[in-house]
């Protein structure tokens, strides 16, 4: 079916006339009116609910690992800061990445039109403000980490760090690792979270590099200088496999040094090490952006197993 439209145009002879033309009906549902409920769902989706759930679990695991369970107000404020910061950063990233996501992630809310790009930016600013207000209600060290380190790094990530090979990956890994440090500082036991923070950072750096390979085509089209774009997909996969191997050894290090014990080791072996062995094998036989997309999903789920292993370390004697 087509919609016929009549509009005024100029001929090459500079004479004006009415000319009938037609255009197909839009096939995408985003060309039609978006309901408020769709927009709300889009805003929730743009924050990455699974990431927010993982961040909340990380805070709760931190509370379980420190010697004294934090009081409820501090716990809730810490969760608010972590969730708001993560949601704001993910939303801002989608705002920046709109041209790239049209290639790499055409299902994203801004690309589909479910969420207006200007609305996403405003939503991100509001979330950052919520995080800052909540951060000023907790311990000074935690507040300073959130307001003067984490939030600036996340705001600058896409325009400054993302296009620098490996630098952007390390920044994201460091920020995600700081979730444990931030929660530990908020609860008054920063020193207890050094190992979990290092493990989380390492896991994130690996996944971010794999995601860069996954996003190769869109990043290349937009001139984003990630490692795979500058050095090739094959070298990106090789480096990814090398980092997976280092991650496996790094996760075992707390057991080797006696920092964690049997409970951690058992959970780590079955929940993390074996899946990572599969990742190594899979990447060897599927060194492509599509293969890396599959691996990125595995690594995201595997984070839960890592969090469980860290939590079970509480019962090691």
Protein backbone atom coordinates (compact mmCIF):
# COMPACT_ATOMS: atom_id res chain seq x y z
CA UNK A 1 0.00 0.00 0.00
CA UNK A 2 1.24 3.50 -0.69
CA UNK A 3 0.28 6.95 0.49
CA UNK A 4 -0.02 9.45 -2.36
CA UNK A 5 1.19 12.93 -1.56
CA UNK A 6 0.91 16.15 -3.53
CA UNK A 7 3.56 18.74 -2.88
CA UNK A 8 4.95 21.89 -4.46
CA UNK A 9 8.31 21.61 -6.22
CA UNK A 10 10.40 23.52 -8.74
CA UNK A 11 11.24 22.23 -12.18
CA UNK A 12 14.62 22.62 -13.75
CA UNK A 13 13.16 25.44 -15.84
CA UNK A 14 12.46 27.33 -12.60
CA UNK A 15 8.70 26.96 -13.25
CA UNK A 16 6.67 25.82 -10.28
CA UNK A 17 4.08 23.12 -10.55
CA UNK A 18 2.26 20.50 -8.57
CA UNK A 19 3.63 17.04 -9.07
CA UNK A 20 2.07 13.89 -7.60
CA UNK A 21 4.51 11.58 -5.93
CA UNK A 22 4.18 8.64 -3.61
CA UNK A 23 6.13 6.96 -0.86
CA UNK A 24 5.68 3.58 0.79
CA UNK A 25 3.96 3.33 4.11
CA UNK A 26 6.57 3.14 6.89
CA UNK A 27 7.17 -0.46 7.82
CA UNK A 28 8.86 0.27 11.15
CA UNK A 29 6.54 0.65 14.14
CA UNK A 30 8.69 3.52 15.38
CA UNK A 31 7.25 5.74 12.65
CA UNK A 32 3.93 5.67 14.45
CA UNK A 33 2.94 7.35 17.67
CA UNK A 34 4.93 6.09 20.65
CA UNK A 35 2.85 5.74 23.79
CA UNK A 36 4.11 6.96 27.18
CA UNK A 37 4.29 3.34 28.34
CA UNK A 38 6.60 2.48 25.45
CA UNK A 39 8.82 5.41 26.39
CA UNK A 40 8.98 4.29 30.03
CA UNK A 41 9.90 0.78 28.96
CA UNK A 42 12.51 2.28 26.64
CA UNK A 43 14.06 4.32 29.46
CA UNK A 44 14.25 1.19 31.60
CA UNK A 45 15.82 -0.74 28.75
CA UNK A 46 18.36 1.99 27.99
CA UNK A 47 19.68 1.75 31.57
CA UNK A 48 20.52 -1.98 31.01
CA UNK A 49 18.45 -3.64 33.80
CA UNK A 50 20.76 -6.67 33.94
CA UNK A 51 23.76 -4.41 34.54
CA UNK A 52 21.88 -2.60 37.30
CA UNK A 53 20.96 -5.93 38.88
CA UNK A 54 24.62 -7.02 38.78
CA UNK A 55 25.69 -3.74 40.36
CA UNK A 56 23.13 -4.20 43.15
CA UNK A 57 24.34 -7.75 43.75
CA UNK A 58 27.91 -6.44 43.94
CA UNK A 59 26.89 -4.01 46.69
CA UNK A 60 25.09 -6.78 48.60
CA UNK A 61 28.09 -9.11 48.25
CA UNK A 62 30.29 -6.32 49.61
CA UNK A 63 27.96 -5.98 52.59
CA UNK A 64 28.21 -9.72 53.19
CA UNK A 65 32.01 -9.76 53.01
CA UNK A 66 32.78 -6.91 55.40
CA UNK A 67 33.00 -7.74 59.12
CA UNK A 68 29.80 -5.87 60.04
CA UNK A 69 26.68 -5.77 57.88
CA UNK A 70 26.00 -2.09 57.02
CA UNK A 71 23.02 -0.27 58.46
CA UNK A 72 19.98 -0.10 56.20
CA UNK A 73 20.14 3.64 55.30
CA UNK A 74 23.80 3.35 54.26
CA UNK A 75 23.10 0.18 52.28
CA UNK A 76 20.16 1.73 50.44
CA UNK A 77 22.03 4.97 49.68
CA UNK A 78 24.98 2.98 48.34
CA UNK A 79 22.68 0.99 46.07
CA UNK A 80 21.01 4.21 44.87
CA UNK A 81 24.38 5.72 43.96
CA UNK A 82 25.61 2.61 42.16
CA UNK A 83 22.36 2.04 40.25
CA UNK A 84 21.94 5.72 39.33
CA UNK A 85 25.54 6.06 38.14
CA UNK A 86 25.34 2.89 36.05
CA UNK A 87 21.99 3.86 34.59
CA UNK A 88 23.19 7.38 33.78
CA UNK A 89 26.39 6.12 32.17
CA UNK A 90 24.58 3.55 30.02
CA UNK A 91 22.04 6.15 28.90
CA UNK A 92 24.73 8.72 28.12
CA UNK A 93 26.69 6.10 26.21
CA UNK A 94 23.65 5.39 24.03
CA UNK A 95 23.24 9.13 23.46
CA UNK A 96 26.83 9.40 22.25
CA UNK A 97 26.71 6.13 20.29
CA UNK A 98 23.51 6.87 18.36
CA UNK A 99 25.25 6.97 14.93
CA UNK A 100 27.24 3.80 15.72
CA UNK A 101 24.25 1.95 17.15
CA UNK A 102 22.40 2.43 13.88
CA UNK A 103 24.89 -0.15 12.57
CA UNK A 104 25.85 -2.18 15.64
CA UNK A 105 22.69 -2.07 17.79
CA UNK A 106 19.67 -1.15 15.65
CA UNK A 107 17.36 -2.43 18.38
CA UNK A 108 18.49 0.18 20.94
CA UNK A 109 15.70 2.50 22.20
CA UNK A 110 17.13 5.72 20.75
CA UNK A 111 17.71 4.16 17.34
CA UNK A 112 14.20 2.72 17.18
CA UNK A 113 12.72 6.04 18.26
CA UNK A 114 11.12 4.69 21.42
CA UNK A 115 13.24 7.16 23.40
CA UNK A 116 14.03 10.60 21.99
CA UNK A 117 17.74 11.35 21.91
CA UNK A 118 17.23 14.65 23.75
CA UNK A 119 15.10 12.85 26.33
CA UNK A 120 17.85 10.30 26.88
CA UNK A 121 20.37 13.06 27.56
CA UNK A 122 18.07 14.75 30.06
CA UNK A 123 17.36 11.41 31.74
CA UNK A 124 21.10 10.77 32.07
CA UNK A 125 21.67 14.18 33.67
CA UNK A 126 18.87 13.56 36.17
CA UNK A 127 20.33 10.17 37.12
CA UNK A 128 23.79 11.66 37.62
CA UNK A 129 22.29 14.34 39.87
CA UNK A 130 20.45 11.71 41.90
CA UNK A 131 23.72 9.81 42.32
CA UNK A 132 25.60 12.93 43.45
CA UNK A 133 22.92 13.90 45.97
CA UNK A 134 22.86 10.38 47.41
CA UNK A 135 26.67 10.20 47.49
CA UNK A 136 26.82 13.28 49.73
CA UNK A 137 24.86 11.35 52.36
CA UNK A 138 27.50 8.63 52.86
CA UNK A 139 31.14 8.37 53.93
CA UNK A 140 33.49 11.07 52.63
CA UNK A 141 35.88 8.68 50.89
CA UNK A 142 33.05 6.94 49.07
CA UNK A 143 31.52 10.27 48.11
CA UNK A 144 34.81 11.53 46.69
CA UNK A 145 35.30 8.34 44.70
CA UNK A 146 31.87 8.63 43.13
CA UNK A 147 31.72 12.38 42.51
CA UNK A 148 35.33 13.17 41.59
CA UNK A 149 36.56 9.92 39.99
CA UNK A 150 33.85 7.58 38.73
CA UNK A 151 31.33 10.08 37.33
CA UNK A 152 33.92 12.20 35.46
CA UNK A 153 35.48 9.06 33.94
CA UNK A 154 32.09 7.83 32.76
CA UNK A 155 31.14 11.18 31.24
CA UNK A 156 34.47 11.38 29.40
CA UNK A 157 34.52 7.72 28.36
CA UNK A 158 32.95 7.96 24.90
CA UNK A 159 34.30 11.37 23.74
CA UNK A 160 37.83 10.88 25.16
CA UNK A 161 38.72 7.29 26.03
CA UNK A 162 36.66 4.98 23.83
CA UNK A 163 38.57 5.78 20.66
CA UNK A 164 41.93 4.96 22.24
CA UNK A 165 42.84 1.28 21.84
CA UNK A 166 42.68 -0.60 25.16
CA UNK A 167 42.54 2.66 27.14
CA UNK A 168 38.75 2.73 26.98
CA UNK A 169 38.60 -0.95 27.98
CA UNK A 170 40.82 -0.30 31.01
CA UNK A 171 38.77 2.74 32.04
CA UNK A 172 35.53 0.74 31.98
CA UNK A 173 37.20 -2.13 33.83
CA UNK A 174 38.54 0.23 36.46
CA UNK A 175 35.19 1.92 36.96
CA UNK A 176 33.36 -1.41 37.30
CA UNK A 177 36.00 -2.64 39.75
CA UNK A 178 35.50 0.52 41.75
CA UNK A 179 31.95 -0.60 42.49
CA UNK A 180 33.41 -2.87 45.15
CA UNK A 181 35.83 -0.20 46.36
CA UNK A 182 33.06 2.37 46.55
CA UNK A 183 30.75 0.05 48.49
CA UNK A 184 33.61 -0.99 50.78
CA UNK A 185 34.45 2.66 51.47
CA UNK A 186 30.78 3.45 52.09
CA UNK A 187 30.62 0.63 54.65
CA UNK A 188 33.94 1.61 56.24
CA UNK A 189 35.97 -1.41 55.06
CA UNK A 190 37.69 -0.41 51.82
CA UNK A 191 40.65 -2.75 52.39
CA UNK A 192 38.40 -5.82 52.29
CA UNK A 193 37.38 -5.11 48.70
CA UNK A 194 40.76 -4.87 46.96
CA UNK A 195 40.75 -8.44 45.61
CA UNK A 196 37.09 -8.45 44.46
CA UNK A 197 37.68 -5.09 42.76
CA UNK A 198 40.74 -6.42 40.91
CA UNK A 199 38.85 -9.53 39.77
CA UNK A 200 35.87 -7.48 38.58
CA UNK A 201 38.15 -5.06 36.71
CA UNK A 202 39.97 -7.89 34.96
CA UNK A 203 36.75 -9.59 33.95
CA UNK A 204 35.37 -6.34 32.57
CA UNK A 205 38.49 -5.48 30.55
CA UNK A 206 38.28 -8.87 28.81
CA UNK A 207 34.59 -8.48 28.02
CA UNK A 208 35.03 -4.92 26.76
CA UNK A 209 37.74 -6.00 24.31
CA UNK A 210 35.54 -8.85 23.07
CA UNK A 211 32.69 -6.35 22.63
CA UNK A 212 35.02 -4.13 20.60
CA UNK A 213 35.53 -7.01 18.18
CA UNK A 214 31.77 -7.55 18.13
CA UNK A 215 31.24 -3.85 17.28
CA UNK A 216 33.99 -3.80 14.65
CA UNK A 217 31.85 -2.85 11.65
CA UNK A 218 30.04 0.04 13.28
CA UNK A 219 33.17 1.39 14.98
CA UNK A 220 35.10 1.20 11.72
CA UNK A 221 32.36 3.02 9.85
CA UNK A 222 32.40 5.84 12.42
CA UNK A 223 36.20 6.00 12.69
CA UNK A 224 36.36 4.86 16.32
CA UNK A 225 39.94 3.76 16.96
CA UNK A 226 39.38 0.63 19.02
CA UNK A 227 42.02 -2.10 19.03
CA UNK A 228 40.23 -4.30 16.45
CA UNK A 229 39.65 -1.32 14.14
CA UNK A 230 43.31 -0.26 14.24
CA UNK A 231 44.95 -3.69 14.25
CA UNK A 232 42.34 -6.01 12.78
CA UNK A 233 39.73 -8.46 13.99
CA UNK A 234 42.12 -11.41 14.07
CA UNK A 235 44.63 -9.61 16.30
CA UNK A 236 41.75 -8.45 18.48
CA UNK A 237 40.59 -12.04 18.96
CA UNK A 238 44.15 -13.22 19.67
CA UNK A 239 44.57 -10.53 22.31
CA UNK A 240 41.15 -11.40 23.71
CA UNK A 241 42.12 -15.07 24.08
CA UNK A 242 45.38 -14.07 25.76
CA UNK A 243 43.49 -11.87 28.23
CA UNK A 244 41.02 -14.68 28.94
CA UNK A 245 43.97 -16.91 29.84
CA UNK A 246 45.41 -14.23 32.10
CA UNK A 247 41.99 -13.77 33.68
CA UNK A 248 41.79 -17.49 34.45
CA UNK A 249 45.17 -17.36 36.17
CA UNK A 250 44.28 -14.12 37.95
CA UNK A 251 41.08 -15.60 39.34
CA UNK A 252 43.09 -18.50 40.75
CA UNK A 253 45.65 -16.22 42.37
CA UNK A 254 43.64 -15.57 45.59
CA UNK A 255 43.56 -19.35 46.14
CA UNK A 256 47.27 -19.75 45.41
CA UNK A 257 48.12 -17.03 47.92
CA UNK A 258 45.66 -18.35 50.51
CA UNK A 259 43.49 -15.25 50.47
CA UNK A 260 40.45 -17.35 49.51
CA UNK A 261 39.87 -21.02 50.20
CA UNK A 262 37.98 -24.13 49.10
CA UNK A 263 34.49 -22.66 48.76
CA UNK A 264 35.77 -19.98 46.41
CA UNK A 265 37.86 -22.48 44.46
CA UNK A 266 34.98 -24.91 43.85
CA UNK A 267 32.58 -22.16 42.76
CA UNK A 268 35.29 -20.57 40.63
CA UNK A 269 36.20 -23.83 38.90
CA UNK A 270 32.70 -24.77 37.83
CA UNK A 271 31.25 -21.30 37.42
CA UNK A 272 34.14 -19.37 35.89
CA UNK A 273 37.16 -21.41 34.85
CA UNK A 274 35.30 -24.07 32.85
CA UNK A 275 33.18 -21.51 30.97
CA UNK A 276 36.34 -19.53 30.21
CA UNK A 277 37.96 -22.67 28.79
CA UNK A 278 34.96 -22.96 26.50
CA UNK A 279 35.40 -19.30 25.52
CA UNK A 280 39.04 -19.95 24.59
CA UNK A 281 38.04 -22.86 22.39
CA UNK A 282 35.08 -21.07 20.83
CA UNK A 283 37.12 -18.00 19.90
CA UNK A 284 39.76 -20.20 18.30
CA UNK A 285 37.18 -21.68 15.94
CA UNK A 286 35.00 -18.56 15.58
CA UNK A 287 37.35 -15.54 15.43
CA UNK A 288 34.70 -13.18 14.05
CA UNK A 289 32.51 -10.30 15.29
CA UNK A 290 29.56 -12.70 15.36
CA UNK A 291 31.55 -15.20 17.42
CA UNK A 292 32.57 -12.45 19.81
CA UNK A 293 28.93 -11.43 20.23
CA UNK A 294 28.21 -14.95 21.49
CA UNK A 295 31.22 -14.84 23.82
CA UNK A 296 30.22 -11.43 25.18
CA UNK A 297 26.86 -12.87 26.22
CA UNK A 298 28.58 -15.78 27.96
CA UNK A 299 30.92 -13.46 29.84
CA UNK A 300 28.02 -11.29 30.97
CA UNK A 301 26.25 -14.29 32.47
CA UNK A 302 29.51 -15.62 33.89
CA UNK A 303 29.81 -12.50 36.04
CA UNK A 304 27.06 -13.96 38.25
CA UNK A 305 29.20 -17.04 38.86
CA UNK A 306 32.14 -14.81 39.72
CA UNK A 307 30.06 -12.85 42.22
CA UNK A 308 28.85 -16.13 43.75
CA UNK A 309 32.44 -17.37 44.12
CA UNK A 310 33.46 -14.13 45.82
CA UNK A 311 30.46 -14.36 48.15
CA UNK A 312 31.21 -17.99 49.06
CA UNK A 313 34.72 -16.96 50.07
CA UNK A 314 33.04 -15.56 53.17
CA UNK A 315 32.65 -19.12 54.42
CA UNK A 316 36.29 -20.11 53.91
CA UNK A 317 38.20 -20.62 57.11
